[in-house]
Amino acid sequence: MRVVVLGSGPGGYVAALKAAHLGAQVSVIEKDEVGGTCLNWGCIPTKTLIASTEALRNARNLSEYGIDSSGPVFPTLQR
């Protein structure tokens, strides 16, 4: 049996794995980056930005926690 899965997002990934476990020869077709919208542009990047922003806010307000920090805090986010 041969199966072609269109898209490598969460649904396509699970479908491809399940078909392979059932003995099918599986091909996955993806027009962009493997992982789909959630992994590359949606949920996960958004959660990363939110967590990084919260960490920066906490770092800038260390004095509220009784911590004396000298010097500025420079945020950097890399893709």
PDB file of N, CA and C in Angstrom:
ATOM      1  N   MET A   1       0.844  -1.174   0.000  1.00  0.00           N
ATOM      2  CA  MET A   1       0.000   0.000   0.000  1.00  0.00           C
ATOM      3  C   MET A   1       0.894   1.243   0.000  1.00  0.00           C
ATOM      4  N   ARG A   2       0.502   2.237  -0.775  1.00  0.00           N
ATOM      5  CA  ARG A   2       1.213   3.514  -0.810  1.00  0.00           C
ATOM      6  C   ARG A   2       0.277   4.626  -0.366  1.00  0.00           C
ATOM      7  N   VAL A   3       0.828   5.547   0.433  1.00  0.00           N
ATOM      8  CA  VAL A   3       0.054   6.672   0.950  1.00  0.00           C
ATOM      9  C   VAL A   3       0.826   7.954   0.679  1.00  0.00           C
ATOM     10  N   VAL A   4       0.121   8.963   0.196  1.00  0.00           N
ATOM     11  CA  VAL A   4       0.709  10.291   0.010  1.00  0.00           C
ATOM     12  C   VAL A   4       0.004  11.228   0.978  1.00  0.00           C
ATOM     13  N   VAL A   5       0.780  11.912   1.799  1.00  0.00           N
ATOM     14  CA  VAL A   5       0.244  12.851   2.782  1.00  0.00           C
ATOM     15  C   VAL A   5       0.580  14.258   2.296  1.00  0.00           C
ATOM     16  N   LEU A   6      -0.448  15.103   2.196  1.00  0.00           N
ATOM     17  CA  LEU A   6      -0.251  16.483   1.788  1.00  0.00           C
ATOM     18  C   LEU A   6      -0.123  17.357   3.036  1.00  0.00           C
ATOM     19  N   GLY A   7       1.047  17.936   3.229  1.00  0.00           N
ATOM     20  CA  GLY A   7       1.293  18.798   4.381  1.00  0.00           C
ATOM     21  C   GLY A   7       1.999  18.066   5.505  1.00  0.00           C
ATOM     22  N   SER A   8       2.958  18.756   6.107  1.00  0.00           N
ATOM     23  CA  SER A   8       3.750  18.130   7.174  1.00  0.00           C
ATOM     24  C   SER A   8       3.502  18.773   8.530  1.00  0.00           C
ATOM     25  N   GLY A   9       2.334  19.367   8.686  1.00  0.00           N
ATOM     26  CA  GLY A   9       1.969  19.925   9.981  1.00  0.00           C
ATOM     27  C   GLY A   9       1.597  18.819  10.953  1.00  0.00           C
ATOM     28  N   PRO A  10       0.993  19.164  12.086  1.00  0.00           N
ATOM     29  CA  PRO A  10       0.662  18.170  13.090  1.00  0.00           C
ATOM     30  C   PRO A  10      -0.210  17.027  12.563  1.00  0.00           C
ATOM     31  N   GLY A  11      -1.184  17.337  11.720  1.00  0.00           N
ATOM     32  CA  GLY A  11      -2.056  16.302  11.173  1.00  0.00           C
ATOM     33  C   GLY A  11      -1.329  15.406  10.185  1.00  0.00           C
ATOM     34  N   GLY A  12      -0.569  16.017   9.285  1.00  0.00           N
ATOM     35  CA  GLY A  12       0.170  15.247   8.297  1.00  0.00           C
ATOM     36  C   GLY A  12       1.227  14.364   8.928  1.00  0.00           C
ATOM     37  N   TYR A  13       1.877  14.889   9.943  1.00  0.00           N
ATOM     38  CA  TYR A  13       2.915  14.134  10.655  1.00  0.00           C
ATOM     39  C   TYR A  13       2.329  12.871  11.273  1.00  0.00           C
ATOM     40  N   VAL A  14       1.223  13.019  11.969  1.00  0.00           N
ATOM     41  CA  VAL A  14       0.592  11.875  12.628  1.00  0.00           C
ATOM     42  C   VAL A  14       0.075  10.881  11.591  1.00  0.00           C
ATOM     43  N   ALA A  15      -0.526  11.396  10.517  1.00  0.00           N
ATOM     44  CA  ALA A  15      -1.038  10.507   9.473  1.00  0.00           C
ATOM     45  C   ALA A  15       0.096   9.711   8.830  1.00  0.00           C
ATOM     46  N   ALA A  16       1.212  10.359   8.556  1.00  0.00           N
ATOM     47  CA  ALA A  16       2.350   9.680   7.941  1.00  0.00           C
ATOM     48  C   ALA A  16       2.917   8.603   8.868  1.00  0.00           C
ATOM     49  N   LEU A  17       3.063   8.923  10.133  1.00  0.00           N
ATOM     50  CA  LEU A  17       3.568   7.938  11.092  1.00  0.00           C
ATOM     51  C   LEU A  17       2.636   6.730  11.223  1.00  0.00           C
ATOM     52  N   LYS A  18       1.355   7.005  11.342  1.00  0.00           N
ATOM     53  CA  LYS A  18       0.388   5.921  11.494  1.00  0.00           C
ATOM     54  C   LYS A  18       0.397   5.014  10.268  1.00  0.00           C
ATOM     55  N   ALA A  19       0.405   5.621   9.083  1.00  0.00           N
ATOM     56  CA  ALA A  19       0.425   4.828   7.851  1.00  0.00           C
ATOM     57  C   ALA A  19       1.700   3.990   7.764  1.00  0.00           C
ATOM     58  N   ALA A  20       2.829   4.566   8.138  1.00  0.00           N
ATOM     59  CA  ALA A  20       4.098   3.833   8.108  1.00  0.00           C
ATOM     60  C   ALA A  20       4.075   2.673   9.104  1.00  0.00           C
ATOM     61  N   HIS A  21       3.536   2.917  10.282  1.00  0.00           N
ATOM     62  CA  HIS A  21       3.445   1.844  11.282  1.00  0.00           C
ATOM     63  C   HIS A  21       2.534   0.705  10.816  1.00  0.00           C
ATOM     64  N   LEU A  22       1.583   1.048   9.964  1.00  0.00           N
ATOM     65  CA  LEU A  22       0.685   0.024   9.431  1.00  0.00           C
ATOM     66  C   LEU A  22       1.269  -0.660   8.196  1.00  0.00           C
ATOM     67  N   GLY A  23       2.497  -0.295   7.823  1.00  0.00           N
ATOM     68  CA  GLY A  23       3.187  -0.967   6.732  1.00  0.00           C
ATOM     69  C   GLY A  23       3.122  -0.282   5.386  1.00  0.00           C
ATOM     70  N   ALA A  24       2.562   0.899   5.318  1.00  0.00           N
ATOM     71  CA  ALA A  24       2.460   1.601   4.035  1.00  0.00           C
ATOM     72  C   ALA A  24       3.788   2.260   3.667  1.00  0.00           C
ATOM     73  N   GLN A  25       3.983   2.420   2.373  1.00  0.00           N
ATOM     74  CA  GLN A  25       5.084   3.260   1.904  1.00  0.00           C
ATOM     75  C   GLN A  25       4.521   4.676   1.869  1.00  0.00           C
ATOM     76  N   VAL A  26       5.164   5.598   2.585  1.00  0.00           N
ATOM     77  CA  VAL A  26       4.595   6.930   2.779  1.00  0.00           C
ATOM     78  C   VAL A  26       5.462   7.989   2.121  1.00  0.00           C
ATOM     79  N   SER A  27       4.795   8.901   1.414  1.00  0.00           N
ATOM     80  CA  SER A  27       5.446  10.092   0.870  1.00  0.00           C
ATOM     81  C   SER A  27       4.725  11.302   1.451  1.00  0.00           C
ATOM     82  N   VAL A  28       5.493  12.299   1.872  1.00  0.00           N
ATOM     83  CA  VAL A  28       4.913  13.529   2.407  1.00  0.00           C
ATOM     84  C   VAL A  28       5.255  14.660   1.456  1.00  0.00           C
ATOM     85  N   ILE A  29       4.252  15.425   1.069  1.00  0.00           N
ATOM     86  CA  ILE A  29       4.454  16.573   0.186  1.00  0.00           C
ATOM     87  C   ILE A  29       4.196  17.833   1.005  1.00  0.00           C
ATOM     88  N   GLU A  30       5.186  18.721   1.032  1.00  0.00           N
ATOM     89  CA  GLU A  30       5.084  19.972   1.789  1.00  0.00           C
ATOM     90  C   GLU A  30       5.530  21.107   0.887  1.00  0.00           C
ATOM     91  N   LYS A  31       4.718  22.144   0.743  1.00  0.00           N
ATOM     92  CA  LYS A  31       5.059  23.257  -0.150  1.00  0.00           C
ATOM     93  C   LYS A  31       6.007  24.269   0.493  1.00  0.00           C
ATOM     94  N   ASP A  32       6.153  24.218   1.815  1.00  0.00           N
ATOM     95  CA  ASP A  32       6.999  25.194   2.489  1.00  0.00           C
ATOM     96  C   ASP A  32       7.903  24.468   3.470  1.00  0.00           C
ATOM     97  N   GLU A  33       7.962  24.918   4.710  1.00  0.00           N
ATOM     98  CA  GLU A  33       8.856  24.317   5.695  1.00  0.00           C
ATOM     99  C   GLU A  33       8.171  23.170   6.428  1.00  0.00           C
ATOM    100  N   VAL A  34       8.940  22.125   6.692  1.00  0.00           N
ATOM    101  CA  VAL A  34       8.423  20.978   7.421  1.00  0.00           C
ATOM    102  C   VAL A  34       8.000  21.416   8.823  1.00  0.00           C
ATOM    103  N   GLY A  35       6.859  20.974   9.249  1.00  0.00           N
ATOM    104  CA  GLY A  35       6.361  21.299  10.581  1.00  0.00           C
ATOM    105  C   GLY A  35       5.072  22.084  10.558  1.00  0.00           C
ATOM    106  N   GLY A  36       4.769  22.722   9.449  1.00  0.00           N
ATOM    107  CA  GLY A  36       3.511  23.446   9.326  1.00  0.00           C
ATOM    108  C   GLY A  36       3.500  24.802  10.007  1.00  0.00           C
ATOM    109  N   THR A  37       2.325  25.405   9.983  1.00  0.00           N
ATOM    110  CA  THR A  37       2.142  26.760  10.496  1.00  0.00           C
ATOM    111  C   THR A  37       2.446  26.879  11.981  1.00  0.00           C
ATOM    112  N   CYS A  38       1.928  25.965  12.778  1.00  0.00           N
ATOM    113  CA  CYS A  38       2.089  26.067  14.235  1.00  0.00           C
ATOM    114  C   CYS A  38       3.557  26.084  14.638  1.00  0.00           C
ATOM    115  N   LEU A  39       4.327  25.174  14.093  1.00  0.00           N
ATOM    116  CA  LEU A  39       5.733  25.075  14.463  1.00  0.00           C
ATOM    117  C   LEU A  39       6.555  26.260  13.963  1.00  0.00           C
ATOM    118  N   ASN A  40       6.309  26.708  12.753  1.00  0.00           N
ATOM    119  CA  ASN A  40       7.181  27.700  12.118  1.00  0.00           C
ATOM    120  C   ASN A  40       6.733  29.144  12.256  1.00  0.00           C
ATOM    121  N   TRP A  41       5.434  29.401  12.335  1.00  0.00           N
ATOM    122  CA  TRP A  41       4.980  30.796  12.357  1.00  0.00           C
ATOM    123  C   TRP A  41       3.930  31.080  13.410  1.00  0.00           C
ATOM    124  N   GLY A  42       3.237  30.073  13.879  1.00  0.00           N
ATOM    125  CA  GLY A  42       2.084  30.294  14.741  1.00  0.00           C
ATOM    126  C   GLY A  42       2.359  30.105  16.204  1.00  0.00           C
ATOM    127  N   CYS A  43       1.818  29.042  16.746  1.00  0.00           N
ATOM    128  CA  CYS A  43       1.783  28.797  18.193  1.00  0.00           C
ATOM    129  C   CYS A  43       3.147  28.865  18.871  1.00  0.00           C
ATOM    130  N   ILE A  44       4.093  28.089  18.391  1.00  0.00           N
ATOM    131  CA  ILE A  44       5.373  27.971  19.087  1.00  0.00           C
ATOM    132  C   ILE A  44       6.172  29.273  19.036  1.00  0.00           C
ATOM    133  N   PRO A  45       6.318  29.932  17.862  1.00  0.00           N
ATOM    134  CA  PRO A  45       7.032  31.219  17.864  1.00  0.00           C
ATOM    135  C   PRO A  45       6.345  32.263  18.740  1.00  0.00           C
ATOM    136  N   THR A  46       5.012  32.270  18.747  1.00  0.00           N
ATOM    137  CA  THR A  46       4.281  33.225  19.580  1.00  0.00           C
ATOM    138  C   THR A  46       4.573  32.980  21.055  1.00  0.00           C
ATOM    139  N   LYS A  47       4.551  31.721  21.483  1.00  0.00           N
ATOM    140  CA  LYS A  47       4.835  31.401  22.884  1.00  0.00           C
ATOM    141  C   LYS A  47       6.269  31.782  23.245  1.00  0.00           C
ATOM    142  N   THR A  48       7.197  31.620  22.312  1.00  0.00           N
ATOM    143  CA  THR A  48       8.585  31.999  22.557  1.00  0.00           C
ATOM    144  C   THR A  48       8.704  33.501  22.769  1.00  0.00           C
ATOM    145  N   LEU A  49       8.041  34.281  21.921  1.00  0.00           N
ATOM    146  CA  LEU A  49       8.088  35.738  22.071  1.00  0.00           C
ATOM    147  C   LEU A  49       7.459  36.182  23.391  1.00  0.00           C
ATOM    148  N   ILE A  50       6.351  35.578  23.761  1.00  0.00           N
ATOM    149  CA  ILE A  50       5.692  35.945  25.022  1.00  0.00           C
ATOM    150  C   ILE A  50       6.591  35.615  26.210  1.00  0.00           C
ATOM    151  N   ALA A  51       7.182  34.434  26.227  1.00  0.00           N
ATOM    152  CA  ALA A  51       8.057  34.041  27.337  1.00  0.00           C
ATOM    153  C   ALA A  51       9.296  34.925  27.400  1.00  0.00           C
ATOM    154  N   SER A  52       9.878  35.265  26.241  1.00  0.00           N
ATOM    155  CA  SER A  52      11.064  36.117  26.210  1.00  0.00           C
ATOM    156  C   SER A  52      10.742  37.522  26.702  1.00  0.00           C
ATOM    157  N   THR A  53       9.592  38.032  26.315  1.00  0.00           N
ATOM    158  CA  THR A  53       9.179  39.369  26.753  1.00  0.00           C
ATOM    159  C   THR A  53       8.953  39.391  28.264  1.00  0.00           C
ATOM    160  N   GLU A  54       8.340  38.342  28.787  1.00  0.00           N
ATOM    161  CA  GLU A  54       8.128  38.269  30.237  1.00  0.00           C
ATOM    162  C   GLU A  54       9.452  38.184  30.988  1.00  0.00           C
ATOM    163  N   ALA A  55      10.403  37.418  30.460  1.00  0.00           N
ATOM    164  CA  ALA A  55      11.717  37.319  31.100  1.00  0.00           C
ATOM    165  C   ALA A  55      12.423  38.674  31.082  1.00  0.00           C
ATOM    166  N   LEU A  56      12.320  39.403  29.982  1.00  0.00           N
ATOM    167  CA  LEU A  56      12.929  40.731  29.888  1.00  0.00           C
ATOM    168  C   LEU A  56      12.286  41.688  30.896  1.00  0.00           C
ATOM    169  N   ARG A  57      10.953  41.639  30.987  1.00  0.00           N
ATOM    170  CA  ARG A  57      10.261  42.514  31.943  1.00  0.00           C
ATOM    171  C   ARG A  57      10.713  42.198  33.366  1.00  0.00           C
ATOM    172  N   ASN A  58      10.825  40.928  33.694  1.00  0.00           N
ATOM    173  CA  ASN A  58      11.290  40.548  35.033  1.00  0.00           C
ATOM    174  C   ASN A  58      12.723  41.005  35.262  1.00  0.00           C
ATOM    175  N   ALA A  59      13.575  40.873  34.252  1.00  0.00           N
ATOM    176  CA  ALA A  59      14.970  41.293  34.392  1.00  0.00           C
ATOM    177  C   ALA A  59      15.064  42.801  34.614  1.00  0.00           C
ATOM    178  N   ARG A  60      14.229  43.550  33.945  1.00  0.00           N
ATOM    179  CA  ARG A  60      14.248  45.013  34.109  1.00  0.00           C
ATOM    180  C   ARG A  60      13.694  45.452  35.456  1.00  0.00           C
ATOM    181  N   ASN A  61      12.931  44.586  36.106  1.00  0.00           N
ATOM    182  CA  ASN A  61      12.312  44.931  37.387  1.00  0.00           C
ATOM    183  C   ASN A  61      12.889  44.121  38.543  1.00  0.00           C
ATOM    184  N   LEU A  62      14.158  43.777  38.449  1.00  0.00           N
ATOM    185  CA  LEU A  62      14.788  42.978  39.500  1.00  0.00           C
ATOM    186  C   LEU A  62      14.758  43.665  40.852  1.00  0.00           C
ATOM    187  N   SER A  63      14.760  44.993  40.859  1.00  0.00           N
ATOM    188  CA  SER A  63      14.749  45.713  42.134  1.00  0.00           C
ATOM    189  C   SER A  63      13.478  45.416  42.931  1.00  0.00           C
ATOM    190  N   GLU A  64      12.385  45.070  42.235  1.00  0.00           N
ATOM    191  CA  GLU A  64      11.151  44.697  42.933  1.00  0.00           C
ATOM    192  C   GLU A  64      11.347  43.429  43.756  1.00  0.00           C
ATOM    193  N   TYR A  65      12.344  42.641  43.386  1.00  0.00           N
ATOM    194  CA  TYR A  65      12.636  41.396  44.085  1.00  0.00           C
ATOM    195  C   TYR A  65      13.835  41.547  45.024  1.00  0.00           C
ATOM    196  N   GLY A  66      14.287  42.803  45.195  1.00  0.00           N
ATOM    197  CA  GLY A  66      15.411  43.061  46.084  1.00  0.00           C
ATOM    198  C   GLY A  66      16.762  42.745  45.464  1.00  0.00           C
ATOM    199  N   ILE A  67      16.812  42.674  44.159  1.00  0.00           N
ATOM    200  CA  ILE A  67      18.065  42.367  43.465  1.00  0.00           C
ATOM    201  C   ILE A  67      18.575  43.638  42.801  1.00  0.00           C
ATOM    202  N   ASP A  68      19.829  43.987  43.101  1.00  0.00           N
ATOM    203  CA  ASP A  68      20.449  45.173  42.504  1.00  0.00           C
ATOM    204  C   ASP A  68      21.211  44.746  41.253  1.00  0.00           C
ATOM    205  N   SER A  69      20.733  45.189  40.125  1.00  0.00           N
ATOM    206  CA  SER A  69      21.424  44.857  38.869  1.00  0.00           C
ATOM    207  C   SER A  69      22.010  46.137  38.302  1.00  0.00           C
ATOM    208  N   SER A  70      23.293  46.084  38.023  1.00  0.00           N
ATOM    209  CA  SER A  70      23.927  47.261  37.444  1.00  0.00           C
ATOM    210  C   SER A  70      24.076  47.058  35.942  1.00  0.00           C
ATOM    211  N   GLY A  71      23.857  48.105  35.207  1.00  0.00           N
ATOM    212  CA  GLY A  71      23.971  48.037  33.756  1.00  0.00           C
ATOM    213  C   GLY A  71      22.636  47.743  33.101  1.00  0.00           C
ATOM    214  N   PRO A  72      22.526  48.085  31.816  1.00  0.00           N
ATOM    215  CA  PRO A  72      21.269  47.875  31.092  1.00  0.00           C
ATOM    216  C   PRO A  72      21.074  46.402  30.716  1.00  0.00           C
ATOM    217  N   VAL A  73      19.870  46.074  30.432  1.00  0.00           N
ATOM    218  CA  VAL A  73      19.515  44.753  29.971  1.00  0.00           C
ATOM    219  C   VAL A  73      19.170  44.860  28.493  1.00  0.00           C
ATOM    220  N   PHE A  74      19.877  44.131  27.648  1.00  0.00           N
ATOM    221  CA  PHE A  74      19.649  44.178  26.213  1.00  0.00           C
ATOM    222  C   PHE A  74      19.051  42.858  25.742  1.00  0.00           C
ATOM    223  N   PRO A  75      17.804  42.889  25.251  1.00  0.00           N
ATOM    224  CA  PRO A  75      17.184  41.656  24.773  1.00  0.00           C
ATOM    225  C   PRO A  75      17.664  41.286  23.375  1.00  0.00           C
ATOM    226  N   THR A  76      17.858  40.020  23.144  1.00  0.00           N
ATOM    227  CA  THR A  76      18.136  39.552  21.796  1.00  0.00           C
ATOM    228  C   THR A  76      17.348  38.283  21.567  1.00  0.00           C
ATOM    229  N   LEU A  77      16.660  38.251  20.456  1.00  0.00           N
ATOM    230  CA  LEU A  77      15.942  37.052  20.042  1.00  0.00           C
ATOM    231  C   LEU A  77      16.483  36.650  18.692  1.00  0.00           C
ATOM    232  N   GLN A  78      16.805  35.407  18.545  1.00  0.00           N
ATOM    233  CA  GLN A  78      17.305  34.918  17.275  1.00  0.00           C
ATOM    234  C   GLN A  78      16.370  33.862  16.749  1.00  0.00           C
ATOM    235  N   ARG A  79      16.237  33.830  15.448  1.00  0.00           N
ATOM    236  CA  ARG A  79      15.355  32.850  14.831  1.00  0.00           C
ATOM    237  C   ARG A  79      16.066  31.536  14.701  1.00  0.00           C
TER     238      ARG A  79
END
